[in-house]
Amino acid sequence: ATKIVEVPETVVAQQRSVTGTMPTPPTPPPADAPILIAT
């Protein structure tokens, strides 16, 4: 005869997702502050 064996099994699956945010921009200087440009 043909023997059929059934074994219960638990299948574990993982799904990974990565999200991100840009770094916080630096605080702009006050409008009346003098501006220097680095060279």
PDB file of all heavy atoms in Angstrom:
ATOM      1  N   ALA A   1       0.840  -1.193   0.000  1.00  0.00           N
ATOM      2  CA  ALA A   1       0.000   0.000   0.000  1.00  0.00           C
ATOM      3  C   ALA A   1       0.883   1.252   0.000  1.00  0.00           C
ATOM      4  O   ALA A   1       2.111   1.199   0.201  1.00  0.00           O
ATOM      5  CB  ALA A   1      -0.932  -0.010   1.202  1.00  0.00           C
ATOM      6  N   THR A   2       0.235   2.353  -0.243  1.00  0.00           N
ATOM      7  CA  THR A   2       0.916   3.655  -0.192  1.00  0.00           C
ATOM      8  C   THR A   2       0.636   4.285   1.168  1.00  0.00           C
ATOM      9  O   THR A   2      -0.520   4.486   1.547  1.00  0.00           O
ATOM     10  CB  THR A   2       0.417   4.582  -1.306  1.00  0.00           C
ATOM     11  OG1 THR A   2       0.709   3.965  -2.572  1.00  0.00           O
ATOM     12  CG2 THR A   2       1.110   5.919  -1.242  1.00  0.00           C
ATOM     13  N   LYS A   3       1.709   4.574   1.888  1.00  0.00           N
ATOM     14  CA  LYS A   3       1.557   5.180   3.214  1.00  0.00           C
ATOM     15  C   LYS A   3       1.689   6.697   3.080  1.00  0.00           C
ATOM     16  O   LYS A   3       2.683   7.204   2.532  1.00  0.00           O
ATOM     17  CB  LYS A   3       2.619   4.646   4.180  1.00  0.00           C
ATOM     18  CG  LYS A   3       2.516   5.252   5.575  1.00  0.00           C
ATOM     19  CD  LYS A   3       3.522   4.636   6.529  1.00  0.00           C
ATOM     20  CE  LYS A   3       4.949   5.058   6.194  1.00  0.00           C
ATOM     21  NZ  LYS A   3       5.904   4.597   7.229  1.00  0.00           N
ATOM     22  N   ILE A   4       0.685   7.351   3.579  1.00  0.00           N
ATOM     23  CA  ILE A   4       0.703   8.811   3.584  1.00  0.00           C
ATOM     24  C   ILE A   4       0.894   9.282   5.028  1.00  0.00           C
ATOM     25  O   ILE A   4       0.096   8.943   5.909  1.00  0.00           O
ATOM     26  CB  ILE A   4      -0.602   9.391   3.002  1.00  0.00           C
ATOM     27  CG1 ILE A   4      -0.764   8.942   1.539  1.00  0.00           C
ATOM     28  CG2 ILE A   4      -0.588  10.918   3.094  1.00  0.00           C
ATOM     29  CD1 ILE A   4      -2.064   9.401   0.918  1.00  0.00           C
ATOM     30  N   VAL A   5       1.946  10.023   5.264  1.00  0.00           N
ATOM     31  CA  VAL A   5       2.256  10.535   6.599  1.00  0.00           C
ATOM     32  C   VAL A   5       2.046  12.040   6.611  1.00  0.00           C
ATOM     33  O   VAL A   5       2.635  12.767   5.787  1.00  0.00           O
ATOM     34  CB  VAL A   5       3.699  10.194   7.016  1.00  0.00           C
ATOM     35  CG1 VAL A   5       3.985  10.728   8.423  1.00  0.00           C
ATOM     36  CG2 VAL A   5       3.925   8.695   6.956  1.00  0.00           C
ATOM     37  N   GLU A   6       1.199  12.475   7.493  1.00  0.00           N
ATOM     38  CA  GLU A   6       0.919  13.913   7.640  1.00  0.00           C
ATOM     39  C   GLU A   6       1.470  14.389   8.979  1.00  0.00           C
ATOM     40  O   GLU A   6       1.096  13.862  10.030  1.00  0.00           O
ATOM     41  CB  GLU A   6      -0.580  14.179   7.551  1.00  0.00           C
ATOM     42  CG  GLU A   6      -1.183  13.873   6.187  1.00  0.00           C
ATOM     43  CD  GLU A   6      -2.667  14.186   6.123  1.00  0.00           C
ATOM     44  OE1 GLU A   6      -3.260  14.386   7.205  1.00  0.00           O
ATOM     45  OE2 GLU A   6      -3.197  14.249   5.009  1.00  0.00           O
ATOM     46  N   VAL A   7       2.372  15.358   8.918  1.00  0.00           N
ATOM     47  CA  VAL A   7       3.009  15.911  10.123  1.00  0.00           C
ATOM     48  C   VAL A   7       2.687  17.396  10.204  1.00  0.00           C
ATOM     49  O   VAL A   7       3.017  18.164   9.288  1.00  0.00           O
ATOM     50  CB  VAL A   7       4.536  15.700  10.090  1.00  0.00           C
ATOM     51  CG1 VAL A   7       5.182  16.302  11.342  1.00  0.00           C
ATOM     52  CG2 VAL A   7       4.855  14.226   9.964  1.00  0.00           C
ATOM     53  N   PRO A   8       2.017  17.814  11.290  1.00  0.00           N
ATOM     54  CA  PRO A   8       1.742  19.252  11.439  1.00  0.00           C
ATOM     55  C   PRO A   8       3.032  20.014  11.744  1.00  0.00           C
ATOM     56  O   PRO A   8       3.918  19.528  12.452  1.00  0.00           O
ATOM     57  CB  PRO A   8       0.773  19.299  12.618  1.00  0.00           C
ATOM     58  CG  PRO A   8       1.057  18.064  13.396  1.00  0.00           C
ATOM     59  CD  PRO A   8       1.472  17.031  12.407  1.00  0.00           C
ATOM     60  N   GLU A   9       3.131  21.177  11.177  1.00  0.00           N
ATOM     61  CA  GLU A   9       4.328  21.996  11.364  1.00  0.00           C
ATOM     62  C   GLU A   9       3.939  23.456  11.373  1.00  0.00           C
ATOM     63  O   GLU A   9       2.991  23.861  10.691  1.00  0.00           O
ATOM     64  CB  GLU A   9       5.326  21.719  10.233  1.00  0.00           C
ATOM     65  CG  GLU A   9       6.674  22.407  10.404  1.00  0.00           C
ATOM     66  CD  GLU A   9       7.629  22.058   9.276  1.00  0.00           C
ATOM     67  OE1 GLU A   9       7.531  22.702   8.205  1.00  0.00           O
ATOM     68  OE2 GLU A   9       8.449  21.143   9.446  1.00  0.00           O
ATOM     69  N   THR A  10       4.653  24.240  12.174  1.00  0.00           N
ATOM     70  CA  THR A  10       4.401  25.679  12.241  1.00  0.00           C
ATOM     71  C   THR A  10       5.438  26.408  11.406  1.00  0.00           C
ATOM     72  O   THR A  10       6.653  26.257  11.640  1.00  0.00           O
ATOM     73  CB  THR A  10       4.446  26.182  13.697  1.00  0.00           C
ATOM     74  OG1 THR A  10       3.459  25.481  14.464  1.00  0.00           O
ATOM     75  CG2 THR A  10       4.170  27.676  13.765  1.00  0.00           C
ATOM     76  N   VAL A  11       4.979  27.157  10.445  1.00  0.00           N
ATOM     77  CA  VAL A  11       5.880  27.898   9.562  1.00  0.00           C
ATOM     78  C   VAL A  11       5.997  29.330  10.068  1.00  0.00           C
ATOM     79  O   VAL A  11       4.995  30.014  10.271  1.00  0.00           O
ATOM     80  CB  VAL A  11       5.356  27.890   8.103  1.00  0.00           C
ATOM     81  CG1 VAL A  11       6.285  28.699   7.209  1.00  0.00           C
ATOM     82  CG2 VAL A  11       5.221  26.461   7.607  1.00  0.00           C
ATOM     83  N   VAL A  12       7.230  29.747  10.300  1.00  0.00           N
ATOM     84  CA  VAL A  12       7.503  31.103  10.797  1.00  0.00           C
ATOM     85  C   VAL A  12       8.073  31.926   9.641  1.00  0.00           C
ATOM     86  O   VAL A  12       9.042  31.518   8.994  1.00  0.00           O
ATOM     87  CB  VAL A  12       8.486  31.083  11.979  1.00  0.00           C
ATOM     88  CG1 VAL A  12       8.782  32.501  12.457  1.00  0.00           C
ATOM     89  CG2 VAL A  12       7.945  30.239  13.118  1.00  0.00           C
ATOM     90  N   ALA A  13       7.454  33.059   9.395  1.00  0.00           N
ATOM     91  CA  ALA A  13       7.918  33.952   8.320  1.00  0.00           C
ATOM     92  C   ALA A  13       8.176  35.336   8.906  1.00  0.00           C
ATOM     93  O   ALA A  13       7.469  35.789   9.811  1.00  0.00           O
ATOM     94  CB  ALA A  13       6.886  34.028   7.206  1.00  0.00           C
ATOM     95  N   GLN A  14       9.216  35.993   8.407  1.00  0.00           N
ATOM     96  CA  GLN A  14       9.556  37.343   8.849  1.00  0.00           C
ATOM     97  C   GLN A  14       9.568  38.292   7.666  1.00  0.00           C
ATOM     98  O   GLN A  14      10.049  37.944   6.586  1.00  0.00           O
ATOM     99  CB  GLN A  14      10.918  37.369   9.537  1.00  0.00           C
ATOM    100  CG  GLN A  14      10.912  36.788  10.941  1.00  0.00           C
ATOM    101  CD  GLN A  14      12.232  37.039  11.652  1.00  0.00           C
ATOM    102  OE1 GLN A  14      13.231  37.402  11.022  1.00  0.00           O
ATOM    103  NE2 GLN A  14      12.245  36.871  12.954  1.00  0.00           N
ATOM    104  N   GLN A  15       9.031  39.457   7.903  1.00  0.00           N
ATOM    105  CA  GLN A  15       9.045  40.515   6.890  1.00  0.00           C
ATOM    106  C   GLN A  15       9.670  41.749   7.515  1.00  0.00           C
ATOM    107  O   GLN A  15       9.237  42.194   8.586  1.00  0.00           O
ATOM    108  CB  GLN A  15       7.634  40.807   6.391  1.00  0.00           C
ATOM    109  CG  GLN A  15       7.583  41.853   5.291  1.00  0.00           C
ATOM    110  CD  GLN A  15       6.166  42.098   4.805  1.00  0.00           C
ATOM    111  OE1 GLN A  15       5.220  41.520   5.323  1.00  0.00           O
ATOM    112  NE2 GLN A  15       6.024  42.961   3.818  1.00  0.00           N
ATOM    113  N   ARG A  16      10.677  42.296   6.844  1.00  0.00           N
ATOM    114  CA  ARG A  16      11.395  43.447   7.391  1.00  0.00           C
ATOM    115  C   ARG A  16      11.204  44.658   6.486  1.00  0.00           C
ATOM    116  O   ARG A  16      11.235  44.541   5.267  1.00  0.00           O
ATOM    117  CB  ARG A  16      12.890  43.144   7.525  1.00  0.00           C
ATOM    118  CG  ARG A  16      13.185  41.932   8.409  1.00  0.00           C
ATOM    119  CD  ARG A  16      14.668  41.745   8.602  1.00  0.00           C
ATOM    120  NE  ARG A  16      14.953  40.597   9.445  1.00  0.00           N
ATOM    121  CZ  ARG A  16      16.154  40.290   9.919  1.00  0.00           C
ATOM    122  NH1 ARG A  16      17.189  41.068   9.613  1.00  0.00           N
ATOM    123  NH2 ARG A  16      16.338  39.227  10.679  1.00  0.00           N
ATOM    124  N   SER A  17      11.021  45.784   7.123  1.00  0.00           N
ATOM    125  CA  SER A  17      10.920  47.051   6.382  1.00  0.00           C
ATOM    126  C   SER A  17      11.696  48.110   7.157  1.00  0.00           C
ATOM    127  O   SER A  17      11.667  48.137   8.387  1.00  0.00           O
ATOM    128  CB  SER A  17       9.464  47.486   6.219  1.00  0.00           C
ATOM    129  OG  SER A  17       8.866  47.733   7.482  1.00  0.00           O
ATOM    130  N   VAL A  18      12.428  48.943   6.421  1.00  0.00           N
ATOM    131  CA  VAL A  18      13.242  49.992   7.034  1.00  0.00           C
ATOM    132  C   VAL A  18      12.786  51.340   6.506  1.00  0.00           C
ATOM    133  O   VAL A  18      12.678  51.540   5.293  1.00  0.00           O
ATOM    134  CB  VAL A  18      14.743  49.792   6.734  1.00  0.00           C
ATOM    135  CG1 VAL A  18      15.575  50.874   7.408  1.00  0.00           C
ATOM    136  CG2 VAL A  18      15.194  48.406   7.196  1.00  0.00           C
ATOM    137  N   THR A  19      12.483  52.242   7.413  1.00  0.00           N
ATOM    138  CA  THR A  19      12.113  53.613   7.050  1.00  0.00           C
ATOM    139  C   THR A  19      13.084  54.567   7.736  1.00  0.00           C
ATOM    140  O   THR A  19      13.781  54.205   8.689  1.00  0.00           O
ATOM    141  CB  THR A  19      10.675  53.935   7.480  1.00  0.00           C
ATOM    142  OG1 THR A  19      10.556  53.759   8.911  1.00  0.00           O
ATOM    143  CG2 THR A  19       9.682  53.017   6.780  1.00  0.00           C
ATOM    144  N   GLY A  20      13.130  55.799   7.237  1.00  0.00           N
ATOM    145  CA  GLY A  20      14.047  56.768   7.816  1.00  0.00           C
ATOM    146  C   GLY A  20      13.577  58.185   7.602  1.00  0.00           C
ATOM    147  O   GLY A  20      12.614  58.451   6.874  1.00  0.00           O
ATOM    148  N   THR A  21      14.251  59.107   8.275  1.00  0.00           N
ATOM    149  CA  THR A  21      13.982  60.537   8.136  1.00  0.00           C
ATOM    150  C   THR A  21      15.299  61.256   7.938  1.00  0.00           C
ATOM    151  O   THR A  21      16.349  60.823   8.436  1.00  0.00           O
ATOM    152  CB  THR A  21      13.267  61.101   9.383  1.00  0.00           C
ATOM    153  OG1 THR A  21      14.071  60.835  10.549  1.00  0.00           O
ATOM    154  CG2 THR A  21      11.890  60.457   9.565  1.00  0.00           C
ATOM    155  N   MET A  22      15.247  62.347   7.193  1.00  0.00           N
ATOM    156  CA  MET A  22      16.429  63.142   6.948  1.00  0.00           C
ATOM    157  C   MET A  22      16.885  63.814   8.239  1.00  0.00           C
ATOM    158  O   MET A  22      16.078  64.051   9.138  1.00  0.00           O
ATOM    159  CB  MET A  22      16.141  64.206   5.883  1.00  0.00           C
ATOM    160  CG  MET A  22      15.975  63.642   4.485  1.00  0.00           C
ATOM    161  SD  MET A  22      17.534  62.932   3.900  1.00  0.00           S
ATOM    162  CE  MET A  22      17.048  62.512   2.214  1.00  0.00           C
ATOM    163  N   PRO A  23      18.194  64.119   8.361  1.00  0.00           N
ATOM    164  CA  PRO A  23      18.663  64.829   9.557  1.00  0.00           C
ATOM    165  C   PRO A  23      18.046  66.210   9.653  1.00  0.00           C
ATOM    166  O   PRO A  23      17.714  66.848   8.652  1.00  0.00           O
ATOM    167  CB  PRO A  23      20.184  64.894   9.351  1.00  0.00           C
ATOM    168  CG  PRO A  23      20.388  64.699   7.884  1.00  0.00           C
ATOM    169  CD  PRO A  23      19.271  63.809   7.426  1.00  0.00           C
ATOM    170  N   THR A  24      17.873  66.688  10.882  1.00  0.00           N
ATOM    171  CA  THR A  24      17.277  68.001  11.119  1.00  0.00           C
ATOM    172  C   THR A  24      18.196  69.088  10.573  1.00  0.00           C
ATOM    173  O   THR A  24      19.393  69.117  10.896  1.00  0.00           O
ATOM    174  CB  THR A  24      17.060  68.222  12.617  1.00  0.00           C
ATOM    175  OG1 THR A  24      16.258  67.145  13.125  1.00  0.00           O
ATOM    176  CG2 THR A  24      16.365  69.551  12.876  1.00  0.00           C
ATOM    177  N   PRO A  25      17.684  69.989   9.704  1.00  0.00           N
ATOM    178  CA  PRO A  25      18.540  71.052   9.164  1.00  0.00           C
ATOM    179  C   PRO A  25      18.934  72.025  10.264  1.00  0.00           C
ATOM    180  O   PRO A  25      18.215  72.197  11.249  1.00  0.00           O
ATOM    181  CB  PRO A  25      17.646  71.726   8.111  1.00  0.00           C
ATOM    182  CG  PRO A  25      16.250  71.419   8.548  1.00  0.00           C
ATOM    183  CD  PRO A  25      16.304  70.069   9.203  1.00  0.00           C
ATOM    184  N   PRO A  26      20.099  72.672  10.126  1.00  0.00           N
ATOM    185  CA  PRO A  26      20.528  73.629  11.154  1.00  0.00           C
ATOM    186  C   PRO A  26      19.602  74.834  11.214  1.00  0.00           C
ATOM    187  O   PRO A  26      18.983  75.228  10.230  1.00  0.00           O
ATOM    188  CB  PRO A  26      21.938  74.034  10.687  1.00  0.00           C
ATOM    189  CG  PRO A  26      21.940  73.765   9.208  1.00  0.00           C
ATOM    190  CD  PRO A  26      21.049  72.571   9.020  1.00  0.00           C
ATOM    191  N   THR A  27      19.485  75.436  12.390  1.00  0.00           N
ATOM    192  CA  THR A  27      18.632  76.603  12.593  1.00  0.00           C
ATOM    193  C   THR A  27      19.214  77.798  11.842  1.00  0.00           C
ATOM    194  O   THR A  27      20.399  78.126  12.007  1.00  0.00           O
ATOM    195  CB  THR A  27      18.539  76.928  14.096  1.00  0.00           C
ATOM    196  OG1 THR A  27      18.071  75.763  14.782  1.00  0.00           O
ATOM    197  CG2 THR A  27      17.589  78.093  14.327  1.00  0.00           C
ATOM    198  N   PRO A  28      18.424  78.457  10.980  1.00  0.00           N
ATOM    199  CA  PRO A  28      18.960  79.615  10.236  1.00  0.00           C
ATOM    200  C   PRO A  28      19.249  80.774  11.165  1.00  0.00           C
ATOM    201  O   PRO A  28      18.604  80.931  12.211  1.00  0.00           O
ATOM    202  CB  PRO A  28      17.815  79.943   9.261  1.00  0.00           C
ATOM    203  CG  PRO A  28      16.593  79.400   9.914  1.00  0.00           C
ATOM    204  CD  PRO A  28      17.018  78.187  10.666  1.00  0.00           C
ATOM    205  N   PRO A  29      20.230  81.628  10.829  1.00  0.00           N
ATOM    206  CA  PRO A  29      20.546  82.773  11.682  1.00  0.00           C
ATOM    207  C   PRO A  29      19.445  83.828  11.599  1.00  0.00           C
ATOM    208  O   PRO A  29      18.626  83.830  10.676  1.00  0.00           O
ATOM    209  CB  PRO A  29      21.858  83.297  11.077  1.00  0.00           C
ATOM    210  CG  PRO A  29      21.795  82.883   9.633  1.00  0.00           C
ATOM    211  CD  PRO A  29      21.078  81.565   9.642  1.00  0.00           C
ATOM    212  N   PRO A  30      19.375  84.736  12.595  1.00  0.00           N
ATOM    213  CA  PRO A  30      18.378  85.821  12.536  1.00  0.00           C
ATOM    214  C   PRO A  30      18.539  86.645  11.260  1.00  0.00           C
ATOM    215  O   PRO A  30      19.623  86.732  10.674  1.00  0.00           O
ATOM    216  CB  PRO A  30      18.696  86.647  13.792  1.00  0.00           C
ATOM    217  CG  PRO A  30      19.421  85.710  14.698  1.00  0.00           C
ATOM    218  CD  PRO A  30      20.185  84.780  13.809  1.00  0.00           C
ATOM    219  N   ALA A  31      17.429  87.261  10.832  1.00  0.00           N
ATOM    220  CA  ALA A  31      17.441  88.004   9.573  1.00  0.00           C
ATOM    221  C   ALA A  31      18.406  89.177   9.604  1.00  0.00           C
ATOM    222  O   ALA A  31      18.974  89.558   8.581  1.00  0.00           O
ATOM    223  CB  ALA A  31      16.024  88.488   9.252  1.00  0.00           C
ATOM    224  N   ASP A  32      18.600  89.800  10.792  1.00  0.00           N
ATOM    225  CA  ASP A  32      19.447  90.990  10.867  1.00  0.00           C
ATOM    226  C   ASP A  32      20.890  90.654  11.224  1.00  0.00           C
ATOM    227  O   ASP A  32      21.703  91.546  11.445  1.00  0.00           O
ATOM    228  CB  ASP A  32      18.884  91.975  11.892  1.00  0.00           C
ATOM    229  CG  ASP A  32      18.714  91.325  13.271  1.00  0.00           C
ATOM    230  OD1 ASP A  32      18.852  90.074  13.353  1.00  0.00           O
ATOM    231  OD2 ASP A  32      18.449  92.056  14.233  1.00  0.00           O
ATOM    232  N   ALA A  33      21.214  89.361  11.308  1.00  0.00           N
ATOM    233  CA  ALA A  33      22.582  88.979  11.665  1.00  0.00           C
ATOM    234  C   ALA A  33      23.475  89.070  10.438  1.00  0.00           C
ATOM    235  O   ALA A  33      23.059  88.716   9.338  1.00  0.00           O
ATOM    236  CB  ALA A  33      22.610  87.569  12.236  1.00  0.00           C
ATOM    237  N   PRO A  34      24.725  89.530  10.588  1.00  0.00           N
ATOM    238  CA  PRO A  34      25.643  89.570   9.438  1.00  0.00           C
ATOM    239  C   PRO A  34      25.974  88.161   8.989  1.00  0.00           C
ATOM    240  O   PRO A  34      26.027  87.231   9.785  1.00  0.00           O
ATOM    241  CB  PRO A  34      26.878  90.293   9.995  1.00  0.00           C
ATOM    242  CG  PRO A  34      26.797  90.091  11.463  1.00  0.00           C
ATOM    243  CD  PRO A  34      25.342  90.047  11.813  1.00  0.00           C
ATOM    244  N   ILE A  35      26.174  87.996   7.718  1.00  0.00           N
ATOM    245  CA  ILE A  35      26.437  86.689   7.131  1.00  0.00           C
ATOM    246  C   ILE A  35      27.872  86.645   6.630  1.00  0.00           C
ATOM    247  O   ILE A  35      28.333  87.564   5.955  1.00  0.00           O
ATOM    248  CB  ILE A  35      25.458  86.394   5.975  1.00  0.00           C
ATOM    249  CG1 ILE A  35      24.023  86.358   6.506  1.00  0.00           C
ATOM    250  CG2 ILE A  35      25.810  85.080   5.288  1.00  0.00           C
ATOM    251  CD1 ILE A  35      22.986  86.161   5.420  1.00  0.00           C
ATOM    252  N   LEU A  36      28.574  85.593   6.983  1.00  0.00           N
ATOM    253  CA  LEU A  36      29.941  85.370   6.520  1.00  0.00           C
ATOM    254  C   LEU A  36      29.961  84.115   5.673  1.00  0.00           C
ATOM    255  O   LEU A  36      29.346  83.114   6.040  1.00  0.00           O
ATOM    256  CB  LEU A  36      30.902  85.221   7.707  1.00  0.00           C
ATOM    257  CG  LEU A  36      31.005  86.427   8.649  1.00  0.00           C
ATOM    258  CD1 LEU A  36      31.944  86.114   9.797  1.00  0.00           C
ATOM    259  CD2 LEU A  36      31.494  87.656   7.889  1.00  0.00           C
ATOM    260  N   ILE A  37      30.649  84.152   4.560  1.00  0.00           N
ATOM    261  CA  ILE A  37      30.758  82.996   3.670  1.00  0.00           C
ATOM    262  C   ILE A  37      32.166  82.436   3.797  1.00  0.00           C
ATOM    263  O   ILE A  37      33.144  83.132   3.519  1.00  0.00           O
ATOM    264  CB  ILE A  37      30.457  83.374   2.216  1.00  0.00           C
ATOM    265  CG1 ILE A  37      29.032  83.950   2.105  1.00  0.00           C
ATOM    266  CG2 ILE A  37      30.613  82.183   1.301  1.00  0.00           C
ATOM    267  CD1 ILE A  37      28.685  84.450   0.724  1.00  0.00           C
ATOM    268  N   ALA A  38      32.260  81.187   4.228  1.00  0.00           N
ATOM    269  CA  ALA A  38      33.562  80.561   4.420  1.00  0.00           C
ATOM    270  C   ALA A  38      34.195  80.264   3.075  1.00  0.00           C
ATOM    271  O   ALA A  38      33.525  79.883   2.120  1.00  0.00           O
ATOM    272  CB  ALA A  38      33.419  79.273   5.231  1.00  0.00           C
ATOM    273  N   THR A  39      35.496  80.463   2.966  1.00  0.00           N
ATOM    274  CA  THR A  39      36.257  80.163   1.745  1.00  0.00           C
ATOM    275  C   THR A  39      37.357  79.179   2.091  1.00  0.00           C
ATOM    276  O   THR A  39      37.682  78.956   3.262  1.00  0.00           O
ATOM    277  CB  THR A  39      36.871  81.441   1.152  1.00  0.00           C
ATOM    278  OG1 THR A  39      37.826  81.970   2.089  1.00  0.00           O
ATOM    279  CG2 THR A  39      35.795  82.482   0.894  1.00  0.00           C
TER     280      THR A  39
END
